[in-house]
Amino acid sequence: MTHSRCEVCGREFSAWALIACPICAKVVCRKCGYFDYGRTFCSRDCAILFFHGDDEDELDREEI
């Protein structure tokens, strides 16, 4: 069985028990993950970035 570590708490888990953040791909366990917008993120910052985007996204839209 393959084991990996949560990148937040450092505990070792089976690979199937870890979740990759859809923004930064950091791998987290369910206890450390931040659930919002129907997904699990590694932090609140990544959840906000997922929903609101970043400044570069807004600059690109203004150029169009």
PDB file of N, CA and C in Angstrom:
ATOM      1  N   MET A   1       0.836  -1.166   0.000  1.00  0.00           N
ATOM      2  CA  MET A   1       0.000   0.000   0.000  1.00  0.00           C
ATOM      3  C   MET A   1       0.894   1.247   0.000  1.00  0.00           C
ATOM      4  N   THR A   2       0.554   2.214  -0.810  1.00  0.00           N
ATOM      5  CA  THR A   2       1.319   3.442  -0.908  1.00  0.00           C
ATOM      6  C   THR A   2       0.853   4.433   0.165  1.00  0.00           C
ATOM      7  N   HIS A   3       1.828   5.041   0.851  1.00  0.00           N
ATOM      8  CA  HIS A   3       1.522   6.031   1.867  1.00  0.00           C
ATOM      9  C   HIS A   3       2.124   7.364   1.470  1.00  0.00           C
ATOM     10  N   SER A   4       1.453   8.401   1.874  1.00  0.00           N
ATOM     11  CA  SER A   4       1.927   9.760   1.629  1.00  0.00           C
ATOM     12  C   SER A   4       1.684  10.573   2.884  1.00  0.00           C
ATOM     13  N   ARG A   5       2.267  11.765   2.911  1.00  0.00           N
ATOM     14  CA  ARG A   5       2.107  12.635   4.071  1.00  0.00           C
ATOM     15  C   ARG A   5       1.243  13.841   3.735  1.00  0.00           C
ATOM     16  N   CYS A   6       0.442  14.234   4.713  1.00  0.00           N
ATOM     17  CA  CYS A   6      -0.318  15.472   4.615  1.00  0.00           C
ATOM     18  C   CYS A   6       0.688  16.621   4.671  1.00  0.00           C
ATOM     19  N   GLU A   7       0.590  17.560   3.763  1.00  0.00           N
ATOM     20  CA  GLU A   7       1.543  18.661   3.704  1.00  0.00           C
ATOM     21  C   GLU A   7       1.236  19.759   4.715  1.00  0.00           C
ATOM     22  N   VAL A   8       0.152  19.599   5.489  1.00  0.00           N
ATOM     23  CA  VAL A   8      -0.157  20.569   6.539  1.00  0.00           C
ATOM     24  C   VAL A   8       0.280  20.030   7.902  1.00  0.00           C
ATOM     25  N   CYS A   9      -0.207  18.853   8.281  1.00  0.00           N
ATOM     26  CA  CYS A   9       0.110  18.301   9.603  1.00  0.00           C
ATOM     27  C   CYS A   9       1.299  17.349   9.598  1.00  0.00           C
ATOM     28  N   GLY A  10       1.650  16.811   8.434  1.00  0.00           N
ATOM     29  CA  GLY A  10       2.800  15.915   8.341  1.00  0.00           C
ATOM     30  C   GLY A  10       2.518  14.464   8.681  1.00  0.00           C
ATOM     31  N   ARG A  11       1.279  14.144   9.048  1.00  0.00           N
ATOM     32  CA  ARG A  11       0.944  12.753   9.368  1.00  0.00           C
ATOM     33  C   ARG A  11       0.898  11.915   8.101  1.00  0.00           C
ATOM     34  N   GLU A  12       1.211  10.637   8.262  1.00  0.00           N
ATOM     35  CA  GLU A  12       1.220   9.715   7.134  1.00  0.00           C
ATOM     36  C   GLU A  12      -0.148   9.058   6.984  1.00  0.00           C
ATOM     37  N   PHE A  13      -0.625   8.997   5.741  1.00  0.00           N
ATOM     38  CA  PHE A  13      -1.921   8.408   5.419  1.00  0.00           C
ATOM     39  C   PHE A  13      -1.786   7.541   4.182  1.00  0.00           C
ATOM     40  N   SER A  14      -2.769   6.672   3.964  1.00  0.00           N
ATOM     41  CA  SER A  14      -2.845   5.949   2.697  1.00  0.00           C
ATOM     42  C   SER A  14      -3.098   6.975   1.607  1.00  0.00           C
ATOM     43  N   ALA A  15      -2.570   6.730   0.435  1.00  0.00           N
ATOM     44  CA  ALA A  15      -2.697   7.688  -0.667  1.00  0.00           C
ATOM     45  C   ALA A  15      -4.160   8.013  -0.977  1.00  0.00           C
ATOM     46  N   TRP A  16      -5.055   7.037  -0.842  1.00  0.00           N
ATOM     47  CA  TRP A  16      -6.467   7.277  -1.154  1.00  0.00           C
ATOM     48  C   TRP A  16      -7.138   8.196  -0.145  1.00  0.00           C
ATOM     49  N   ALA A  17      -6.536   8.378   1.042  1.00  0.00           N
ATOM     50  CA  ALA A  17      -7.139   9.200   2.093  1.00  0.00           C
ATOM     51  C   ALA A  17      -6.732  10.668   2.001  1.00  0.00           C
ATOM     52  N   LEU A  18      -5.879  11.008   1.066  1.00  0.00           N
ATOM     53  CA  LEU A  18      -5.411  12.381   0.920  1.00  0.00           C
ATOM     54  C   LEU A  18      -6.077  13.052  -0.276  1.00  0.00           C
ATOM     55  N   ILE A  19      -6.207  14.352  -0.198  1.00  0.00           N
ATOM     56  CA  ILE A  19      -6.880  15.129  -1.239  1.00  0.00           C
ATOM     57  C   ILE A  19      -5.916  16.189  -1.752  1.00  0.00           C
ATOM     58  N   ALA A  20      -5.832  16.331  -3.072  1.00  0.00           N
ATOM     59  CA  ALA A  20      -4.986  17.369  -3.671  1.00  0.00           C
ATOM     60  C   ALA A  20      -5.801  18.650  -3.836  1.00  0.00           C
ATOM     61  N   CYS A  21      -5.250  19.756  -3.383  1.00  0.00           N
ATOM     62  CA  CYS A  21      -5.909  21.048  -3.526  1.00  0.00           C
ATOM     63  C   CYS A  21      -6.040  21.381  -5.017  1.00  0.00           C
ATOM     64  N   PRO A  22      -7.223  21.786  -5.482  1.00  0.00           N
ATOM     65  CA  PRO A  22      -7.402  22.089  -6.903  1.00  0.00           C
ATOM     66  C   PRO A  22      -6.689  23.372  -7.358  1.00  0.00           C
ATOM     67  N   ILE A  23      -6.196  24.181  -6.437  1.00  0.00           N
ATOM     68  CA  ILE A  23      -5.494  25.403  -6.795  1.00  0.00           C
ATOM     69  C   ILE A  23      -3.986  25.187  -6.843  1.00  0.00           C
ATOM     70  N   CYS A  24      -3.403  24.690  -5.739  1.00  0.00           N
ATOM     71  CA  CYS A  24      -1.940  24.587  -5.660  1.00  0.00           C
ATOM     72  C   CYS A  24      -1.414  23.153  -5.682  1.00  0.00           C
ATOM     73  N   ALA A  25      -2.310  22.173  -5.655  1.00  0.00           N
ATOM     74  CA  ALA A  25      -1.978  20.744  -5.700  1.00  0.00           C
ATOM     75  C   ALA A  25      -1.300  20.239  -4.432  1.00  0.00           C
ATOM     76  N   LYS A  26      -1.321  21.023  -3.361  1.00  0.00           N
ATOM     77  CA  LYS A  26      -0.783  20.561  -2.076  1.00  0.00           C
ATOM     78  C   LYS A  26      -1.699  19.440  -1.588  1.00  0.00           C
ATOM     79  N   VAL A  27      -1.106  18.368  -1.053  1.00  0.00           N
ATOM     80  CA  VAL A  27      -1.861  17.197  -0.619  1.00  0.00           C
ATOM     81  C   VAL A  27      -2.176  17.332   0.871  1.00  0.00           C
ATOM     82  N   VAL A  28      -3.468  17.199   1.221  1.00  0.00           N
ATOM     83  CA  VAL A  28      -3.899  17.353   2.607  1.00  0.00           C
ATOM     84  C   VAL A  28      -4.827  16.218   3.033  1.00  0.00           C
ATOM     85  N   CYS A  29      -4.883  15.977   4.349  1.00  0.00           N
ATOM     86  CA  CYS A  29      -5.826  14.994   4.879  1.00  0.00           C
ATOM     87  C   CYS A  29      -7.176  15.682   5.090  1.00  0.00           C
ATOM     88  N   ARG A  30      -8.187  14.905   5.372  1.00  0.00           N
ATOM     89  CA  ARG A  30      -9.529  15.473   5.544  1.00  0.00           C
ATOM     90  C   ARG A  30      -9.603  16.389   6.771  1.00  0.00           C
ATOM     91  N   LYS A  31      -8.836  16.100   7.802  1.00  0.00           N
ATOM     92  CA  LYS A  31      -8.861  16.915   9.011  1.00  0.00           C
ATOM     93  C   LYS A  31      -8.253  18.301   8.754  1.00  0.00           C
ATOM     94  N   CYS A  32      -7.197  18.367   7.966  1.00  0.00           N
ATOM     95  CA  CYS A  32      -6.515  19.639   7.690  1.00  0.00           C
ATOM     96  C   CYS A  32      -7.133  20.405   6.529  1.00  0.00           C
ATOM     97  N   GLY A  33      -7.842  19.714   5.668  1.00  0.00           N
ATOM     98  CA  GLY A  33      -8.419  20.351   4.490  1.00  0.00           C
ATOM     99  C   GLY A  33      -9.463  21.392   4.853  1.00  0.00           C
ATOM    100  N   TYR A  34      -9.628  22.360   3.992  1.00  0.00           N
ATOM    101  CA  TYR A  34     -10.618  23.431   4.163  1.00  0.00           C
ATOM    102  C   TYR A  34     -11.696  23.208   3.107  1.00  0.00           C
ATOM    103  N   PHE A  35     -12.895  22.818   3.544  1.00  0.00           N
ATOM    104  CA  PHE A  35     -13.980  22.506   2.620  1.00  0.00           C
ATOM    105  C   PHE A  35     -14.829  23.740   2.374  1.00  0.00           C
ATOM    106  N   ASP A  36     -14.936  24.119   1.111  1.00  0.00           N
ATOM    107  CA  ASP A  36     -15.763  25.258   0.727  1.00  0.00           C
ATOM    108  C   ASP A  36     -16.068  25.147  -0.765  1.00  0.00           C
ATOM    109  N   TYR A  37     -17.159  25.731  -1.198  1.00  0.00           N
ATOM    110  CA  TYR A  37     -17.557  25.738  -2.610  1.00  0.00           C
ATOM    111  C   TYR A  37     -17.639  24.325  -3.193  1.00  0.00           C
ATOM    112  N   GLY A  38     -17.960  23.338  -2.354  1.00  0.00           N
ATOM    113  CA  GLY A  38     -18.118  21.965  -2.807  1.00  0.00           C
ATOM    114  C   GLY A  38     -16.813  21.223  -3.073  1.00  0.00           C
ATOM    115  N   ARG A  39     -15.694  21.782  -2.618  1.00  0.00           N
ATOM    116  CA  ARG A  39     -14.381  21.159  -2.839  1.00  0.00           C
ATOM    117  C   ARG A  39     -13.547  21.275  -1.568  1.00  0.00           C
ATOM    118  N   THR A  40     -12.495  20.464  -1.486  1.00  0.00           N
ATOM    119  CA  THR A  40     -11.566  20.543  -0.372  1.00  0.00           C
ATOM    120  C   THR A  40     -10.280  21.213  -0.846  1.00  0.00           C
ATOM    121  N   PHE A  41      -9.876  22.236  -0.131  1.00  0.00           N
ATOM    122  CA  PHE A  41      -8.668  23.001  -0.433  1.00  0.00           C
ATOM    123  C   PHE A  41      -7.671  22.818   0.703  1.00  0.00           C
ATOM    124  N   CYS A  42      -6.433  23.220   0.478  1.00  0.00           N
ATOM    125  CA  CYS A  42      -5.428  23.114   1.538  1.00  0.00           C
ATOM    126  C   CYS A  42      -5.546  24.255   2.540  1.00  0.00           C
ATOM    127  N   SER A  43      -6.176  25.347   2.146  1.00  0.00           N
ATOM    128  CA  SER A  43      -6.297  26.498   3.032  1.00  0.00           C
ATOM    129  C   SER A  43      -7.463  27.384   2.596  1.00  0.00           C
ATOM    130  N   ARG A  44      -7.827  28.304   3.461  1.00  0.00           N
ATOM    131  CA  ARG A  44      -8.879  29.261   3.139  1.00  0.00           C
ATOM    132  C   ARG A  44      -8.437  30.164   1.984  1.00  0.00           C
ATOM    133  N   ASP A  45      -7.154  30.500   1.949  1.00  0.00           N
ATOM    134  CA  ASP A  45      -6.638  31.353   0.870  1.00  0.00           C
ATOM    135  C   ASP A  45      -6.856  30.722  -0.501  1.00  0.00           C
ATOM    136  N   CYS A  46      -6.607  29.420  -0.620  1.00  0.00           N
ATOM    137  CA  CYS A  46      -6.825  28.745  -1.904  1.00  0.00           C
ATOM    138  C   CYS A  46      -8.310  28.696  -2.252  1.00  0.00           C
ATOM    139  N   ALA A  47      -9.170  28.518  -1.247  1.00  0.00           N
ATOM    140  CA  ALA A  47     -10.623  28.508  -1.508  1.00  0.00           C
ATOM    141  C   ALA A  47     -11.075  29.864  -2.037  1.00  0.00           C
ATOM    142  N   ILE A  48     -10.579  30.929  -1.443  1.00  0.00           N
ATOM    143  CA  ILE A  48     -10.943  32.272  -1.896  1.00  0.00           C
ATOM    144  C   ILE A  48     -10.424  32.513  -3.307  1.00  0.00           C
ATOM    145  N   LEU A  49      -9.202  32.086  -3.567  1.00  0.00           N
ATOM    146  CA  LEU A  49      -8.618  32.252  -4.893  1.00  0.00           C
ATOM    147  C   LEU A  49      -9.421  31.478  -5.940  1.00  0.00           C
ATOM    148  N   PHE A  50      -9.907  30.300  -5.574  1.00  0.00           N
ATOM    149  CA  PHE A  50     -10.710  29.492  -6.489  1.00  0.00           C
ATOM    150  C   PHE A  50     -11.982  30.224  -6.885  1.00  0.00           C
ATOM    151  N   PHE A  51     -12.659  30.818  -5.901  1.00  0.00           N
ATOM    152  CA  PHE A  51     -13.946  31.455  -6.177  1.00  0.00           C
ATOM    153  C   PHE A  51     -13.792  32.841  -6.793  1.00  0.00           C
ATOM    154  N   HIS A  52     -12.878  33.620  -6.280  1.00  0.00           N
ATOM    155  CA  HIS A  52     -12.753  35.015  -6.704  1.00  0.00           C
ATOM    156  C   HIS A  52     -11.661  35.259  -7.740  1.00  0.00           C
ATOM    157  N   GLY A  53     -10.768  34.310  -7.948  1.00  0.00           N
ATOM    158  CA  GLY A  53      -9.658  34.516  -8.874  1.00  0.00           C
ATOM    159  C   GLY A  53      -8.618  35.432  -8.251  1.00  0.00           C
ATOM    160  N   ASP A  54      -7.657  35.852  -9.049  1.00  0.00           N
ATOM    161  CA  ASP A  54      -6.639  36.758  -8.541  1.00  0.00           C
ATOM    162  C   ASP A  54      -6.624  38.044  -9.360  1.00  0.00           C
ATOM    163  N   ASP A  55      -5.758  38.953  -9.006  1.00  0.00           N
ATOM    164  CA  ASP A  55      -5.694  40.247  -9.691  1.00  0.00           C
ATOM    165  C   ASP A  55      -5.370  40.110 -11.173  1.00  0.00           C
ATOM    166  N   GLU A  56      -4.566  39.122 -11.540  1.00  0.00           N
ATOM    167  CA  GLU A  56      -4.202  38.933 -12.942  1.00  0.00           C
ATOM    168  C   GLU A  56      -5.433  38.609 -13.782  1.00  0.00           C
ATOM    169  N   ASP A  57      -6.363  37.828 -13.222  1.00  0.00           N
ATOM    170  CA  ASP A  57      -7.593  37.504 -13.950  1.00  0.00           C
ATOM    171  C   ASP A  57      -8.377  38.776 -14.251  1.00  0.00           C
ATOM    172  N   GLU A  58      -8.464  39.671 -13.287  1.00  0.00           N
ATOM    173  CA  GLU A  58      -9.200  40.910 -13.486  1.00  0.00           C
ATOM    174  C   GLU A  58      -8.510  41.802 -14.522  1.00  0.00           C
ATOM    175  N   LEU A  59      -7.177  41.821 -14.513  1.00  0.00           N
ATOM    176  CA  LEU A  59      -6.446  42.630 -15.485  1.00  0.00           C
ATOM    177  C   LEU A  59      -6.663  42.097 -16.900  1.00  0.00           C
ATOM    178  N   ASP A  60      -6.674  40.776 -17.043  1.00  0.00           N
ATOM    179  CA  ASP A  60      -6.896  40.176 -18.361  1.00  0.00           C
ATOM    180  C   ASP A  60      -8.271  40.534 -18.887  1.00  0.00           C
ATOM    181  N   ARG A  61      -9.302  40.553 -18.048  1.00  0.00           N
ATOM    182  CA  ARG A  61     -10.658  40.868 -18.483  1.00  0.00           C
ATOM    183  C   ARG A  61     -10.783  42.327 -18.899  1.00  0.00           C
ATOM    184  N   GLU A  62     -10.039  43.207 -18.256  1.00  0.00           N
ATOM    185  CA  GLU A  62     -10.113  44.618 -18.599  1.00  0.00           C
ATOM    186  C   GLU A  62      -9.515  44.903 -19.977  1.00  0.00           C
ATOM    187  N   GLU A  63      -8.545  44.085 -20.400  1.00  0.00           N
ATOM    188  CA  GLU A  63      -7.899  44.274 -21.686  1.00  0.00           C
ATOM    189  C   GLU A  63      -8.796  43.877 -22.850  1.00  0.00           C
ATOM    190  N   ILE A  64      -9.768  43.020 -22.590  1.00  0.00           N
ATOM    191  CA  ILE A  64     -10.644  42.520 -23.668  1.00  0.00           C
ATOM    192  C   ILE A  64     -11.639  43.551 -24.085  1.00  0.00           C
TER     193      ILE A  64
END
